C-alpha atoms as a PDB file:
ATOM      1  CA  VAL A   1     118.068  89.249  80.088  1.00  0.00           C
ATOM      2  CA  GLN A   2     117.736  86.950  83.058  1.00  0.00           C
ATOM      3  CA  LEU A   3     115.521  87.413  86.066  1.00  0.00           C
ATOM      4  CA  GLN A   4     116.183  85.632  89.319  1.00  0.00           C
ATOM      5  CA  ALA A   5     113.702  85.748  92.177  1.00  0.00           C
ATOM      6  CA  SER A   6     114.327  84.781  95.771  1.00  0.00           C
ATOM      7  CA  GLY A   7     112.745  85.095  99.194  1.00  0.00           C
ATOM      8  CA  GLY A   8     109.908  82.627  98.990  1.00  0.00           C
ATOM      9  CA  GLY A   9     109.157  80.178 101.760  1.00  0.00           C
ATOM     10  CA  LEU A  10     106.661  78.917 104.307  1.00  0.00           C
ATOM     11  CA  VAL A  11     104.985  81.355 106.685  1.00  0.00           C
ATOM     12  CA  GLN A  12     101.983  81.305 108.978  1.00  0.00           C
ATOM     13  CA  ALA A  13      98.904  83.351 108.233  1.00  0.00           C
ATOM     14  CA  GLY A  14      99.404  86.923 109.326  1.00  0.00           C
ATOM     15  CA  GLY A  15     103.131  86.738 108.723  1.00  0.00           C
ATOM     16  CA  SER A  16     105.372  88.523 106.247  1.00  0.00           C
ATOM     17  CA  LEU A  17     107.788  87.693 103.465  1.00  0.00           C
ATOM     18  CA  ARG A  18     109.928  89.812 101.181  1.00  0.00           C
ATOM     19  CA  LEU A  19     110.596  88.695  97.637  1.00  0.00           C
ATOM     20  CA  SER A  20     113.470  90.022  95.555  1.00  0.00           C
ATOM     21  CA  CYS A  21     114.067  89.832  91.832  1.00  0.00           C
ATOM     22  CA  THR A  22     117.246  90.938  90.098  1.00  0.00           C
ATOM     23  CA  SER A  23     117.537  91.570  86.401  1.00  0.00           C
ATOM     24  CA  SER A  24     120.811  90.903  84.635  1.00  0.00           C
ATOM     25  CA  GLY A  25     121.762  91.523  81.042  1.00  0.00           C
ATOM     26  CA  ARG A  26     121.662  94.448  78.680  1.00  0.00           C
ATOM     27  CA  SER A  27     118.101  95.566  78.203  1.00  0.00           C
ATOM     28  CA  PHE A  28     116.263  98.741  78.964  1.00  0.00           C
ATOM     29  CA  ILE A  29     113.784  98.265  81.784  1.00  0.00           C
ATOM     30  CA  TYR A  30     110.588 100.251  81.486  1.00  0.00           C
ATOM     31  CA  GLY A  31     108.910  98.469  84.349  1.00  0.00           C
ATOM     32  CA  MET A  32     108.753  95.297  86.372  1.00  0.00           C
ATOM     33  CA  GLY A  33     105.954  93.323  87.881  1.00  0.00           C
ATOM     34  CA  TRP A  34     105.019  90.411  90.072  1.00  0.00           C
ATOM     35  CA  PHE A  35     102.526  87.736  89.135  1.00  0.00           C
ATOM     36  CA  ARG A  36     101.450  84.593  90.940  1.00  0.00           C
ATOM     37  CA  GLN A  37      99.968  81.254  90.032  1.00  0.00           C
ATOM     38  CA  ALA A  38      98.163  79.004  92.476  1.00  0.00           C
ATOM     39  CA  PRO A  39      97.610  75.296  91.750  1.00  0.00           C
ATOM     40  CA  GLY A  40      94.877  74.819  89.183  1.00  0.00           C
ATOM     41  CA  LYS A  41      94.551  78.542  88.535  1.00  0.00           C
ATOM     42  CA  GLU A  42      95.755  80.949  85.896  1.00  0.00           C
ATOM     43  CA  ARG A  43      98.690  83.227  86.477  1.00  0.00           C
ATOM     44  CA  GLU A  44      97.460  86.546  87.813  1.00  0.00           C
ATOM     45  CA  PHE A  45      98.834  90.048  88.218  1.00  0.00           C
ATOM     46  CA  VAL A  46      99.921  91.085  91.712  1.00  0.00           C
ATOM     47  CA  ALA A  47     101.854  94.357  91.507  1.00  0.00           C
ATOM     48  CA  GLY A  48     103.828  96.492  89.083  1.00  0.00           C
ATOM     49  CA  ILE A  49     106.206  99.414  89.132  1.00  0.00           C
ATOM     50  CA  ASN A  50     107.445 101.831  86.481  1.00  0.00           C
ATOM     51  CA  TRP A  51     111.213 101.986  86.611  1.00  0.00           C
ATOM     52  CA  ASN A  52     111.867 105.706  86.159  1.00  0.00           C
ATOM     53  CA  SER A  53     108.862 107.267  87.870  1.00  0.00           C
ATOM     54  CA  GLY A  54     108.437 104.677  90.594  1.00  0.00           C
ATOM     55  CA  ARG A  55     104.701 104.661  90.031  1.00  0.00           C
ATOM     56  CA  THR A  56     103.185 101.540  91.547  1.00  0.00           C
ATOM     57  CA  TYR A  57      99.936  99.679  90.955  1.00  0.00           C
ATOM     58  CA  TYR A  58      98.352  96.655  92.571  1.00  0.00           C
ATOM     59  CA  ALA A  59      95.721  94.013  92.231  1.00  0.00           C
ATOM     60  CA  ASP A  60      92.760  94.722  94.491  1.00  0.00           C
ATOM     61  CA  SER A  61      93.377  91.488  96.394  1.00  0.00           C
ATOM     62  CA  VAL A  62      96.732  92.704  97.727  1.00  0.00           C
ATOM     63  CA  LYS A  63      96.220  96.463  98.123  1.00  0.00           C
ATOM     64  CA  GLY A  64      97.169  97.608 101.579  1.00  0.00           C
ATOM     65  CA  ARG A  65      99.068  94.385 102.315  1.00  0.00           C
ATOM     66  CA  PHE A  66     101.758  94.179  99.630  1.00  0.00           C
ATOM     67  CA  THR A  67     104.275  96.840  98.620  1.00  0.00           C
ATOM     68  CA  ILE A  68     106.384  96.803  95.478  1.00  0.00           C
ATOM     69  CA  SER A  69     109.583  98.832  95.327  1.00  0.00           C
ATOM     70  CA  ARG A  70     112.763  98.950  93.299  1.00  0.00           C
ATOM     71  CA  ASP A  71     116.456  99.701  93.549  1.00  0.00           C
ATOM     72  CA  ASN A  72     117.493 101.111  90.186  1.00  0.00           C
ATOM     73  CA  ALA A  73     121.211 100.818  90.893  1.00  0.00           C
ATOM     74  CA  LYS A  74     120.857  97.107  91.625  1.00  0.00           C
ATOM     75  CA  ASN A  75     118.265  96.405  88.898  1.00  0.00           C
ATOM     76  CA  THR A  76     116.229  94.782  91.646  1.00  0.00           C
ATOM     77  CA  VAL A  77     112.544  94.843  92.425  1.00  0.00           C
ATOM     78  CA  TYR A  78     111.092  93.843  95.778  1.00  0.00           C
ATOM     79  CA  LEU A  79     107.703  92.670  96.944  1.00  0.00           C
ATOM     80  CA  GLN A  80     107.057  93.147 100.637  1.00  0.00           C
ATOM     81  CA  MET A  81     104.126  90.950 101.615  1.00  0.00           C
ATOM     82  CA  ASN A  82     102.444  91.562 104.955  1.00  0.00           C
ATOM     83  CA  SER A  83      99.344  90.105 106.583  1.00  0.00           C
ATOM     84  CA  LEU A  84      99.677  87.021 104.430  1.00  0.00           C
ATOM     85  CA  GLU A  85      96.675  84.792 103.977  1.00  0.00           C
ATOM     86  CA  PRO A  86      96.421  81.140 102.898  1.00  0.00           C
ATOM     87  CA  GLU A  87      94.889  82.443  99.662  1.00  0.00           C
ATOM     88  CA  ASP A  88      98.243  84.073  98.864  1.00  0.00           C
ATOM     89  CA  THR A  89      99.834  80.644  98.483  1.00  0.00           C
ATOM     90  CA  ALA A  90     101.243  80.413  94.971  1.00  0.00           C
ATOM     91  CA  VAL A  91     104.359  80.426  92.873  1.00  0.00           C
ATOM     92  CA  TYR A  92     105.377  84.057  92.473  1.00  0.00           C
ATOM     93  CA  TYR A  93     106.988  85.222  89.245  1.00  0.00           C
ATOM     94  CA  CYS A  94     108.766  88.459  88.472  1.00  0.00           C
ATOM     95  CA  ALA A  95     108.733  89.928  84.991  1.00  0.00           C
ATOM     96  CA  SER A  96     110.134  92.925  83.178  1.00  0.00           C
ATOM     97  CA  LYS A  97     109.021  94.962  80.186  1.00  0.00           C
ATOM     98  CA  ARG A  98     110.942  97.095  77.695  1.00  0.00           C
ATOM     99  CA  VAL A  99     108.218  99.504  76.616  1.00  0.00           C
ATOM    100  CA  TYR A 100     105.155 101.254  77.952  1.00  0.00           C
ATOM    101  CA  THR A 101     102.177  98.948  78.454  1.00  0.00           C
ATOM    102  CA  SER A 102      99.435  98.872  81.030  1.00  0.00           C
ATOM    103  CA  GLY A 103     101.392  96.342  83.048  1.00  0.00           C
ATOM    104  CA  TYR A 104      98.408  94.344  84.236  1.00  0.00           C
ATOM    105  CA  SER A 105      98.550  91.596  81.631  1.00  0.00           C
ATOM    106  CA  LEU A 106     100.987  88.731  81.134  1.00  0.00           C
ATOM    107  CA  ASN A 107     101.362  89.825  77.527  1.00  0.00           C
ATOM    108  CA  ASP A 108     102.682  93.212  78.644  1.00  0.00           C
ATOM    109  CA  TYR A 109     105.961  91.666  79.780  1.00  0.00           C
ATOM    110  CA  HIS A 110     108.935  90.470  77.768  1.00  0.00           C
ATOM    111  CA  TYR A 111     111.062  88.587  80.268  1.00  0.00           C
ATOM    112  CA  TRP A 112     110.148  86.212  83.069  1.00  0.00           C
ATOM    113  CA  GLY A 113     111.942  84.667  86.005  1.00  0.00           C
ATOM    114  CA  PRO A 114     111.538  81.020  87.027  1.00  0.00           C
ATOM    115  CA  GLY A 115     109.320  81.691  90.057  1.00  0.00           C
ATOM    116  CA  THR A 116     109.576  81.226  93.801  1.00  0.00           C
ATOM    117  CA  GLN A 117     107.140  79.321  96.004  1.00  0.00           C
ATOM    118  CA  VAL A 118     105.218  81.104  98.739  1.00  0.00           C
ATOM    119  CA  THR A 119     103.181  78.940 101.094  1.00  0.00           C
ATOM    120  CA  VAL A 120     100.973  80.435 103.799  1.00  0.00           C
ATOM    121  CA  SER A 121      99.677  78.027 106.419  1.00  0.00           C
ATOM    122  CA  SER A 122      96.472  78.631 108.349  1.00  0.00           C
END
């Protein structure tokens, strides 16, 4: 399984970006998630989605600003990021999991993409 994320870039505070992540390869997807890692900080959970039900869940820091969605036919998950803040600057990683887990922890996921940089200027 390979995950490839795209859509990162530089944006001013208050702006928007949309990240995409496509999964390729033969593996059952139970859910996918987005994490981020800022310089000098640990990787942290951002948002997750269960593949069949579409149930979504978010970190408190992004609730109301970010929206995760998926396109089952394309094996693609999206992260729409609105009202971006400088504190959102980080490398964003997508991940997928094969079985049921809470989805909030790095250890819940089996496959990871290489990451895409998001920079929000003030």
